[in-house]
């Protein structure tokens, strides 16, 4: 199934760093997200654009994961030639990540 079926997301940026929060619609699915939406999977998913590390932060009280992706915005807002200079569409793209069906 697609990640969008059990979660939504928000994106932020600072310089050449992008962060994406993945928030479970239902907190009961947080552990499932934690198991299947890893920093490695996110880095693989964005392998064409993320040149640095991807670090995952866990926010269990709000049922969310936050991924910080370094060297992900083509040099940052003032340097990139990308159409989406802030990387705001990255959160929508991540919602297409394939994950297993709920257990």
C-alpha atoms as a PDB file:
ATOM      1  CA  UNK A   1       0.000   0.000   0.000  1.00  0.00           C
ATOM      2  CA  UNK A   2       1.026   3.633  -0.309  1.00  0.00           C
ATOM      3  CA  UNK A   3       2.187   5.524   2.762  1.00  0.00           C
ATOM      4  CA  UNK A   4      -0.565   8.108   2.120  1.00  0.00           C
ATOM      5  CA  UNK A   5      -3.174   5.542   3.174  1.00  0.00           C
ATOM      6  CA  UNK A   6      -2.168   5.760   6.844  1.00  0.00           C
ATOM      7  CA  UNK A   7      -0.236   9.034   7.129  1.00  0.00           C
ATOM      8  CA  UNK A   8       0.059  12.631   5.983  1.00  0.00           C
ATOM      9  CA  UNK A   9       3.088  14.880   5.913  1.00  0.00           C
ATOM     10  CA  UNK A  10       4.556  18.369   6.105  1.00  0.00           C
ATOM     11  CA  UNK A  11       7.822  19.701   4.720  1.00  0.00           C
ATOM     12  CA  UNK A  12      10.230  22.387   5.833  1.00  0.00           C
ATOM     13  CA  UNK A  13      13.607  23.613   4.655  1.00  0.00           C
ATOM     14  CA  UNK A  14      16.643  25.544   5.790  1.00  0.00           C
ATOM     15  CA  UNK A  15      19.413  26.161   3.309  1.00  0.00           C
ATOM     16  CA  UNK A  16      20.260  22.892   1.588  1.00  0.00           C
ATOM     17  CA  UNK A  17      18.483  20.781   4.230  1.00  0.00           C
ATOM     18  CA  UNK A  18      14.929  19.506   3.931  1.00  0.00           C
ATOM     19  CA  UNK A  19      12.839  17.906   6.633  1.00  0.00           C
ATOM     20  CA  UNK A  20       9.695  15.873   6.182  1.00  0.00           C
ATOM     21  CA  UNK A  21       7.332  14.913   8.966  1.00  0.00           C
ATOM     22  CA  UNK A  22       5.281  11.748   8.487  1.00  0.00           C
ATOM     23  CA  UNK A  23       2.256  11.842  10.775  1.00  0.00           C
ATOM     24  CA  UNK A  24      -0.029   8.866  11.371  1.00  0.00           C
ATOM     25  CA  UNK A  25      -3.717   9.582  10.833  1.00  0.00           C
ATOM     26  CA  UNK A  26      -4.402   7.188  13.690  1.00  0.00           C
ATOM     27  CA  UNK A  27      -1.809   7.013  16.501  1.00  0.00           C
ATOM     28  CA  UNK A  28      -2.362   3.253  16.670  1.00  0.00           C
ATOM     29  CA  UNK A  29      -0.374   3.001  13.414  1.00  0.00           C
ATOM     30  CA  UNK A  30       2.693   4.832  14.753  1.00  0.00           C
ATOM     31  CA  UNK A  31       4.618   1.639  15.593  1.00  0.00           C
ATOM     32  CA  UNK A  32       3.871   0.300  12.121  1.00  0.00           C
ATOM     33  CA  UNK A  33       5.256   3.504  10.570  1.00  0.00           C
ATOM     34  CA  UNK A  34       8.307   3.300  12.809  1.00  0.00           C
ATOM     35  CA  UNK A  35       8.981  -0.232  11.610  1.00  0.00           C
ATOM     36  CA  UNK A  36       8.598   0.374   7.870  1.00  0.00           C
ATOM     37  CA  UNK A  37       9.451   4.026   7.237  1.00  0.00           C
ATOM     38  CA  UNK A  38      13.143   4.113   8.048  1.00  0.00           C
ATOM     39  CA  UNK A  39      15.888   6.609   7.282  1.00  0.00           C
ATOM     40  CA  UNK A  40      17.384   4.072   4.874  1.00  0.00           C
ATOM     41  CA  UNK A  41      14.069   3.715   2.986  1.00  0.00           C
ATOM     42  CA  UNK A  42      13.633   7.488   2.756  1.00  0.00           C
ATOM     43  CA  UNK A  43      17.202   7.952   1.513  1.00  0.00           C
ATOM     44  CA  UNK A  44      16.648   5.230  -1.122  1.00  0.00           C
ATOM     45  CA  UNK A  45      13.348   6.819  -2.150  1.00  0.00           C
ATOM     46  CA  UNK A  46      15.030  10.189  -2.693  1.00  0.00           C
ATOM     47  CA  UNK A  47      18.322   8.785  -3.994  1.00  0.00           C
ATOM     48  CA  UNK A  48      18.240  11.084  -7.037  1.00  0.00           C
ATOM     49  CA  UNK A  49      18.268  14.258  -4.961  1.00  0.00           C
ATOM     50  CA  UNK A  50      19.559  13.561  -1.442  1.00  0.00           C
ATOM     51  CA  UNK A  51      23.338  13.668  -1.462  1.00  0.00           C
ATOM     52  CA  UNK A  52      23.853  13.691   2.302  1.00  0.00           C
ATOM     53  CA  UNK A  53      22.628  11.752   5.294  1.00  0.00           C
ATOM     54  CA  UNK A  54      19.018  11.188   6.279  1.00  0.00           C
ATOM     55  CA  UNK A  55      18.346  11.224  10.018  1.00  0.00           C
ATOM     56  CA  UNK A  56      15.054  10.073  11.551  1.00  0.00           C
ATOM     57  CA  UNK A  57      13.657  11.574  14.730  1.00  0.00           C
ATOM     58  CA  UNK A  58      10.809   9.818  16.518  1.00  0.00           C
ATOM     59  CA  UNK A  59       7.912  11.739  18.067  1.00  0.00           C
ATOM     60  CA  UNK A  60       5.752   9.068  19.721  1.00  0.00           C
ATOM     61  CA  UNK A  61       3.528  11.496  21.640  1.00  0.00           C
ATOM     62  CA  UNK A  62       2.247  12.953  18.367  1.00  0.00           C
ATOM     63  CA  UNK A  63       2.503   9.734  16.333  1.00  0.00           C
ATOM     64  CA  UNK A  64       5.033  11.174  13.921  1.00  0.00           C
ATOM     65  CA  UNK A  65       8.460  10.648  12.419  1.00  0.00           C
ATOM     66  CA  UNK A  66      10.620  13.542  11.241  1.00  0.00           C
ATOM     67  CA  UNK A  67      13.248  12.967   8.553  1.00  0.00           C
ATOM     68  CA  UNK A  68      16.047  15.492   8.140  1.00  0.00           C
ATOM     69  CA  UNK A  69      17.688  15.176   4.729  1.00  0.00           C
ATOM     70  CA  UNK A  70      21.046  16.891   4.298  1.00  0.00           C
ATOM     71  CA  UNK A  71      22.298  18.181   0.938  1.00  0.00           C
ATOM     72  CA  UNK A  72      18.845  17.622  -0.509  1.00  0.00           C
ATOM     73  CA  UNK A  73      17.873  20.875  -2.205  1.00  0.00           C
ATOM     74  CA  UNK A  74      20.424  21.323  -4.946  1.00  0.00           C
ATOM     75  CA  UNK A  75      22.482  23.794  -2.928  1.00  0.00           C
ATOM     76  CA  UNK A  76      19.603  25.647  -1.307  1.00  0.00           C
ATOM     77  CA  UNK A  77      17.074  28.268  -2.364  1.00  0.00           C
ATOM     78  CA  UNK A  78      19.572  30.814  -3.645  1.00  0.00           C
ATOM     79  CA  UNK A  79      21.640  28.283  -5.627  1.00  0.00           C
ATOM     80  CA  UNK A  80      19.340  25.577  -6.963  1.00  0.00           C
ATOM     81  CA  UNK A  81      17.961  25.406 -10.475  1.00  0.00           C
ATOM     82  CA  UNK A  82      15.063  23.214  -9.307  1.00  0.00           C
ATOM     83  CA  UNK A  83      11.520  24.358 -10.005  1.00  0.00           C
ATOM     84  CA  UNK A  84      10.508  23.618  -6.402  1.00  0.00           C
ATOM     85  CA  UNK A  85      13.302  25.585  -4.733  1.00  0.00           C
ATOM     86  CA  UNK A  86      12.025  24.986  -1.190  1.00  0.00           C
ATOM     87  CA  UNK A  87      11.341  21.269  -1.728  1.00  0.00           C
ATOM     88  CA  UNK A  88       7.726  21.617  -0.567  1.00  0.00           C
ATOM     89  CA  UNK A  89       6.557  18.896  -2.951  1.00  0.00           C
ATOM     90  CA  UNK A  90       8.879  16.333  -1.350  1.00  0.00           C
ATOM     91  CA  UNK A  91       6.303  15.538   1.326  1.00  0.00           C
ATOM     92  CA  UNK A  92       3.709  14.704  -1.329  1.00  0.00           C
ATOM     93  CA  UNK A  93       6.245  12.586  -3.192  1.00  0.00           C
ATOM     94  CA  UNK A  94       7.114  10.598  -0.054  1.00  0.00           C
ATOM     95  CA  UNK A  95       3.441   9.711   0.369  1.00  0.00           C
ATOM     96  CA  UNK A  96       3.917   7.455  -2.682  1.00  0.00           C
ATOM     97  CA  UNK A  97       6.380   5.254  -0.756  1.00  0.00           C
ATOM     98  CA  UNK A  98       5.267   1.621  -0.937  1.00  0.00           C
ATOM     99  CA  UNK A  99       4.933  -0.029   2.450  1.00  0.00           C
ATOM    100  CA  UNK A 100       3.421  -3.393   3.438  1.00  0.00           C
ATOM    101  CA  UNK A 101      -0.291  -3.639   4.112  1.00  0.00           C
ATOM    102  CA  UNK A 102      -1.257  -3.160   7.756  1.00  0.00           C
ATOM    103  CA  UNK A 103      -0.591  -6.250   9.800  1.00  0.00           C
END
